Amino acid sequence: MAAKGAGTRALPGPVISVHSHSRGSWVPPRQALIAWASAALGRAAPGREISVLVVGEARSRALNRRYRGRDKSTNVLSFPAASAGAAPAQLLGDLVICPQVLRREARAKRKRLKDHWTHLFVHGLLHLIGYDHEQAGDALRMERREIRILRGMGIANPYRSR
């Protein structure tokens, strides 16, 4: 009988750094974010670097206004890393998340906060790898991928009303 783990090595997950500038709001532990990113990115996850900035509503609003032209706080903003050279960059990009907006949305939609966090984190990651929802066809493709990823984590379709 082979020794436990002999001949197999678990692939390392993505590297996630979390910087919180928001007090008093629940933020998932880094290990949960790593698990969610691994599920969302699949084989592309190992070694990829993702920076997560947790901000309050004022900072979220300022960033949303500056980069998207929308003068309101938002749940998640995605900033993909610019690829340099021919080699694939390890840095995937940055996510800016506003937990106050997430909490308000979860309550309004009667969703568990953790499930909503998972959904919006996955949503932001998909933006980092090129998914978008500006066109109807692209939105449907992105939503289907989100639903499939979340289902794999035991989370119901976030686009279906309760």
C-alpha atoms as a PDB file:
ATOM      1  CA  MET A   1       0.000   0.000   0.000  1.00  0.00           C
ATOM      2  CA  ALA A   2       1.400   3.376  -0.971  1.00  0.00           C
ATOM      3  CA  ALA A   3       2.083   5.986   1.636  1.00  0.00           C
ATOM      4  CA  LYS A   4      -0.466   8.722   1.932  1.00  0.00           C
ATOM      5  CA  GLY A   5       0.182  11.300  -0.744  1.00  0.00           C
ATOM      6  CA  ALA A   6       2.894   9.247  -2.417  1.00  0.00           C
ATOM      7  CA  GLY A   7       3.190  10.144  -6.062  1.00  0.00           C
ATOM      8  CA  THR A   8       0.585  12.894  -5.861  1.00  0.00           C
ATOM      9  CA  ARG A   9       0.942  16.533  -5.046  1.00  0.00           C
ATOM     10  CA  ALA A  10      -1.901  18.912  -4.509  1.00  0.00           C
ATOM     11  CA  LEU A  11      -1.636  21.843  -6.859  1.00  0.00           C
ATOM     12  CA  PRO A  12      -1.181  25.119  -5.045  1.00  0.00           C
ATOM     13  CA  GLY A  13      -4.125  27.447  -5.229  1.00  0.00           C
ATOM     14  CA  PRO A  14      -4.090  31.059  -6.252  1.00  0.00           C
ATOM     15  CA  VAL A  15      -2.275  33.606  -4.129  1.00  0.00           C
ATOM     16  CA  ILE A  16      -4.742  36.065  -2.660  1.00  0.00           C
ATOM     17  CA  SER A  17      -3.852  39.148  -0.684  1.00  0.00           C
ATOM     18  CA  VAL A  18      -6.611  40.919   1.188  1.00  0.00           C
ATOM     19  CA  HIS A  19      -6.388  44.553   2.247  1.00  0.00           C
ATOM     20  CA  SER A  20      -9.331  45.751   4.294  1.00  0.00           C
ATOM     21  CA  HIS A  21     -10.163  49.416   4.692  1.00  0.00           C
ATOM     22  CA  SER A  22     -13.697  48.808   5.900  1.00  0.00           C
ATOM     23  CA  ARG A  23     -14.473  48.420   9.579  1.00  0.00           C
ATOM     24  CA  GLY A  24     -17.235  46.415  11.140  1.00  0.00           C
ATOM     25  CA  SER A  25     -18.194  44.410   8.060  1.00  0.00           C
ATOM     26  CA  TRP A  26     -17.891  40.678   7.659  1.00  0.00           C
ATOM     27  CA  VAL A  27     -15.176  39.634   5.231  1.00  0.00           C
ATOM     28  CA  PRO A  28     -14.702  35.954   4.403  1.00  0.00           C
ATOM     29  CA  PRO A  29     -11.468  34.371   5.575  1.00  0.00           C
ATOM     30  CA  ARG A  30      -8.669  34.302   3.012  1.00  0.00           C
ATOM     31  CA  GLN A  31      -8.870  30.490   2.797  1.00  0.00           C
ATOM     32  CA  ALA A  32     -12.509  30.773   1.658  1.00  0.00           C
ATOM     33  CA  LEU A  33     -11.488  33.278  -1.027  1.00  0.00           C
ATOM     34  CA  ILE A  34      -8.754  30.899  -2.187  1.00  0.00           C
ATOM     35  CA  ALA A  35     -11.269  28.030  -2.402  1.00  0.00           C
ATOM     36  CA  TRP A  36     -13.757  30.183  -4.335  1.00  0.00           C
ATOM     37  CA  ALA A  37     -11.046  31.386  -6.719  1.00  0.00           C
ATOM     38  CA  SER A  38      -9.844  27.815  -7.264  1.00  0.00           C
ATOM     39  CA  ALA A  39     -13.387  26.742  -8.131  1.00  0.00           C
ATOM     40  CA  ALA A  40     -13.908  29.694 -10.471  1.00  0.00           C
ATOM     41  CA  LEU A  41     -10.571  29.518 -12.250  1.00  0.00           C
ATOM     42  CA  GLY A  42     -10.099  25.754 -12.362  1.00  0.00           C
ATOM     43  CA  ARG A  43      -6.768  24.652 -13.827  1.00  0.00           C
ATOM     44  CA  ALA A  44      -5.785  28.294 -14.400  1.00  0.00           C
ATOM     45  CA  ALA A  45      -5.837  29.001 -10.629  1.00  0.00           C
ATOM     46  CA  PRO A  46      -2.503  27.652  -9.346  1.00  0.00           C
ATOM     47  CA  GLY A  47      -0.001  30.401  -8.794  1.00  0.00           C
ATOM     48  CA  ARG A  48      -2.242  33.207 -10.063  1.00  0.00           C
ATOM     49  CA  GLU A  49      -2.144  36.330  -7.913  1.00  0.00           C
ATOM     50  CA  ILE A  50      -5.269  38.254  -6.986  1.00  0.00           C
ATOM     51  CA  SER A  51      -5.411  41.343  -4.829  1.00  0.00           C
ATOM     52  CA  VAL A  52      -8.648  42.008  -2.954  1.00  0.00           C
ATOM     53  CA  LEU A  53      -9.275  45.479  -1.589  1.00  0.00           C
ATOM     54  CA  VAL A  54     -12.208  45.746   0.823  1.00  0.00           C
ATOM     55  CA  VAL A  55     -13.502  49.302   0.973  1.00  0.00           C
ATOM     56  CA  GLY A  56     -16.324  51.363   2.437  1.00  0.00           C
ATOM     57  CA  GLU A  57     -19.101  52.939   0.414  1.00  0.00           C
ATOM     58  CA  ALA A  58     -17.396  56.313  -0.060  1.00  0.00           C
ATOM     59  CA  ARG A  59     -14.272  54.733  -1.600  1.00  0.00           C
ATOM     60  CA  SER A  60     -16.386  52.354  -3.698  1.00  0.00           C
ATOM     61  CA  ARG A  61     -18.381  55.290  -5.013  1.00  0.00           C
ATOM     62  CA  ALA A  62     -15.261  57.318  -5.819  1.00  0.00           C
ATOM     63  CA  LEU A  63     -13.669  54.413  -7.715  1.00  0.00           C
ATOM     64  CA  ASN A  64     -16.909  53.578  -9.542  1.00  0.00           C
ATOM     65  CA  ARG A  65     -17.273  57.218 -10.574  1.00  0.00           C
ATOM     66  CA  ARG A  66     -13.657  57.483 -11.713  1.00  0.00           C
ATOM     67  CA  TYR A  67     -13.390  54.218 -13.645  1.00  0.00           C
ATOM     68  CA  ARG A  68     -16.958  53.518 -14.760  1.00  0.00           C
ATOM     69  CA  GLY A  69     -18.573  56.949 -14.772  1.00  0.00           C
ATOM     70  CA  ARG A  70     -21.259  55.832 -12.312  1.00  0.00           C
ATOM     71  CA  ASP A  71     -21.730  58.037  -9.267  1.00  0.00           C
ATOM     72  CA  LYS A  72     -22.777  55.409  -6.744  1.00  0.00           C
ATOM     73  CA  SER A  73     -21.165  52.768  -4.583  1.00  0.00           C
ATOM     74  CA  THR A  74     -21.095  49.286  -6.083  1.00  0.00           C
ATOM     75  CA  ASN A  75     -20.626  45.713  -4.922  1.00  0.00           C
ATOM     76  CA  VAL A  76     -17.491  44.742  -6.873  1.00  0.00           C
ATOM     77  CA  LEU A  77     -15.085  46.384  -9.292  1.00  0.00           C
ATOM     78  CA  SER A  78     -12.602  44.357 -11.332  1.00  0.00           C
ATOM     79  CA  PHE A  79      -9.267  45.604 -12.621  1.00  0.00           C
ATOM     80  CA  PRO A  80      -7.547  43.001 -14.807  1.00  0.00           C
ATOM     81  CA  ALA A  81      -3.759  43.084 -14.832  1.00  0.00           C
ATOM     82  CA  ALA A  82      -2.195  44.280 -18.035  1.00  0.00           C
ATOM     83  CA  SER A  83      -0.350  41.399 -19.649  1.00  0.00           C
ATOM     84  CA  ALA A  84       3.268  42.207 -20.359  1.00  0.00           C
ATOM     85  CA  GLY A  85       5.256  40.273 -22.928  1.00  0.00           C
ATOM     86  CA  ALA A  86       4.545  36.862 -24.374  1.00  0.00           C
ATOM     87  CA  ALA A  87       4.702  34.914 -21.098  1.00  0.00           C
ATOM     88  CA  PRO A  88       1.419  34.636 -19.193  1.00  0.00           C
ATOM     89  CA  ALA A  89       1.482  36.956 -16.216  1.00  0.00           C
ATOM     90  CA  GLN A  90       0.924  35.446 -12.805  1.00  0.00           C
ATOM     91  CA  LEU A  91      -0.884  38.582 -11.647  1.00  0.00           C
ATOM     92  CA  LEU A  92      -4.538  38.177 -12.583  1.00  0.00           C
ATOM     93  CA  GLY A  93      -5.696  41.540 -11.260  1.00  0.00           C
ATOM     94  CA  ASP A  94      -7.440  43.412  -8.482  1.00  0.00           C
ATOM     95  CA  LEU A  95     -10.942  43.169  -7.055  1.00  0.00           C
ATOM     96  CA  VAL A  96     -12.429  46.003  -5.034  1.00  0.00           C
ATOM     97  CA  ILE A  97     -15.332  44.847  -2.887  1.00  0.00           C
ATOM     98  CA  CYS A  98     -17.715  46.901  -0.768  1.00  0.00           C
ATOM     99  CA  PRO A  99     -19.171  44.674   1.982  1.00  0.00           C
ATOM    100  CA  GLN A 100     -21.808  47.244   2.964  1.00  0.00           C
ATOM    101  CA  VAL A 101     -23.310  47.080  -0.530  1.00  0.00           C
ATOM    102  CA  LEU A 102     -23.085  43.279  -0.520  1.00  0.00           C
ATOM    103  CA  ARG A 103     -24.855  43.102   2.844  1.00  0.00           C
ATOM    104  CA  ARG A 104     -27.626  45.453   1.700  1.00  0.00           C
ATOM    105  CA  GLU A 105     -28.143  43.474  -1.533  1.00  0.00           C
ATOM    106  CA  ALA A 106     -28.175  40.131   0.295  1.00  0.00           C
ATOM    107  CA  ARG A 107     -30.842  41.369   2.703  1.00  0.00           C
ATOM    108  CA  ALA A 108     -32.964  42.843  -0.103  1.00  0.00           C
ATOM    109  CA  LYS A 109     -32.764  39.593  -2.093  1.00  0.00           C
ATOM    110  CA  ARG A 110     -33.147  37.376   1.003  1.00  0.00           C
ATOM    111  CA  LYS A 111     -29.859  35.631   0.343  1.00  0.00           C
ATOM    112  CA  ARG A 112     -27.289  34.359   2.770  1.00  0.00           C
ATOM    113  CA  LEU A 113     -24.475  36.895   3.035  1.00  0.00           C
ATOM    114  CA  LYS A 114     -21.801  34.250   2.480  1.00  0.00           C
ATOM    115  CA  ASP A 115     -23.554  33.039  -0.692  1.00  0.00           C
ATOM    116  CA  HIS A 116     -23.825  36.573  -2.038  1.00  0.00           C
ATOM    117  CA  TRP A 117     -20.153  37.241  -1.236  1.00  0.00           C
ATOM    118  CA  THR A 118     -19.231  34.029  -3.053  1.00  0.00           C
ATOM    119  CA  HIS A 119     -21.317  34.999  -6.076  1.00  0.00           C
ATOM    120  CA  LEU A 120     -19.908  38.523  -6.402  1.00  0.00           C
ATOM    121  CA  PHE A 121     -16.347  37.328  -5.788  1.00  0.00           C
ATOM    122  CA  VAL A 122     -16.741  34.728  -8.561  1.00  0.00           C
ATOM    123  CA  HIS A 123     -18.402  37.374 -10.759  1.00  0.00           C
ATOM    124  CA  GLY A 124     -15.433  39.701 -10.280  1.00  0.00           C
ATOM    125  CA  LEU A 125     -12.950  36.902 -11.012  1.00  0.00           C
ATOM    126  CA  LEU A 126     -14.710  36.103 -14.269  1.00  0.00           C
ATOM    127  CA  HIS A 127     -14.308  39.755 -15.271  1.00  0.00           C
ATOM    128  CA  LEU A 128     -10.581  39.416 -14.560  1.00  0.00           C
ATOM    129  CA  ILE A 129     -10.309  36.544 -17.053  1.00  0.00           C
ATOM    130  CA  GLY A 130     -12.229  38.348 -19.772  1.00  0.00           C
ATOM    131  CA  TYR A 131     -15.925  37.663 -19.203  1.00  0.00           C
ATOM    132  CA  ASP A 132     -18.278  40.588 -19.631  1.00  0.00           C
ATOM    133  CA  HIS A 133     -22.013  41.291 -19.597  1.00  0.00           C
ATOM    134  CA  GLU A 134     -22.350  44.396 -21.750  1.00  0.00           C
ATOM    135  CA  GLN A 135     -23.992  42.471 -24.617  1.00  0.00           C
ATOM    136  CA  ALA A 136     -26.926  40.082 -24.063  1.00  0.00           C
ATOM    137  CA  GLY A 137     -25.059  37.062 -25.449  1.00  0.00           C
ATOM    138  CA  ASP A 138     -22.002  37.767 -23.308  1.00  0.00           C
ATOM    139  CA  ALA A 139     -24.190  38.272 -20.229  1.00  0.00           C
ATOM    140  CA  LEU A 140     -25.876  34.910 -20.770  1.00  0.00           C
ATOM    141  CA  ARG A 141     -22.509  33.174 -21.210  1.00  0.00           C
ATOM    142  CA  MET A 142     -21.160  34.776 -18.025  1.00  0.00           C
ATOM    143  CA  GLU A 143     -24.297  33.998 -15.994  1.00  0.00           C
ATOM    144  CA  ARG A 144     -24.223  30.348 -17.095  1.00  0.00           C
ATOM    145  CA  ARG A 145     -20.614  30.028 -16.009  1.00  0.00           C
ATOM    146  CA  GLU A 146     -21.381  31.677 -12.643  1.00  0.00           C
ATOM    147  CA  ILE A 147     -24.367  29.376 -12.081  1.00  0.00           C
ATOM    148  CA  ARG A 148     -22.263  26.286 -12.881  1.00  0.00           C
ATOM    149  CA  ILE A 149     -19.416  27.364 -10.570  1.00  0.00           C
ATOM    150  CA  LEU A 150     -21.771  28.245  -7.717  1.00  0.00           C
ATOM    151  CA  ARG A 151     -23.753  25.008  -8.125  1.00  0.00           C
ATOM    152  CA  GLY A 152     -20.459  23.150  -7.657  1.00  0.00           C
ATOM    153  CA  MET A 153     -20.139  24.894  -4.289  1.00  0.00           C
ATOM    154  CA  GLY A 154     -23.714  24.105  -3.256  1.00  0.00           C
ATOM    155  CA  ILE A 155     -25.061  27.611  -3.915  1.00  0.00           C
ATOM    156  CA  ALA A 156     -28.385  28.098  -5.680  1.00  0.00           C
ATOM    157  CA  ASN A 157     -28.737  30.001  -8.946  1.00  0.00           C
ATOM    158  CA  PRO A 158     -28.307  33.666  -7.899  1.00  0.00           C
ATOM    159  CA  TYR A 159     -30.359  34.871 -10.887  1.00  0.00           C
ATOM    160  CA  ARG A 160     -33.494  32.986  -9.897  1.00  0.00           C
ATOM    161  CA  SER A 161     -35.950  34.794  -7.637  1.00  0.00           C
ATOM    162  CA  ARG A 162     -36.972  33.108  -4.426  1.00  0.00           C
END
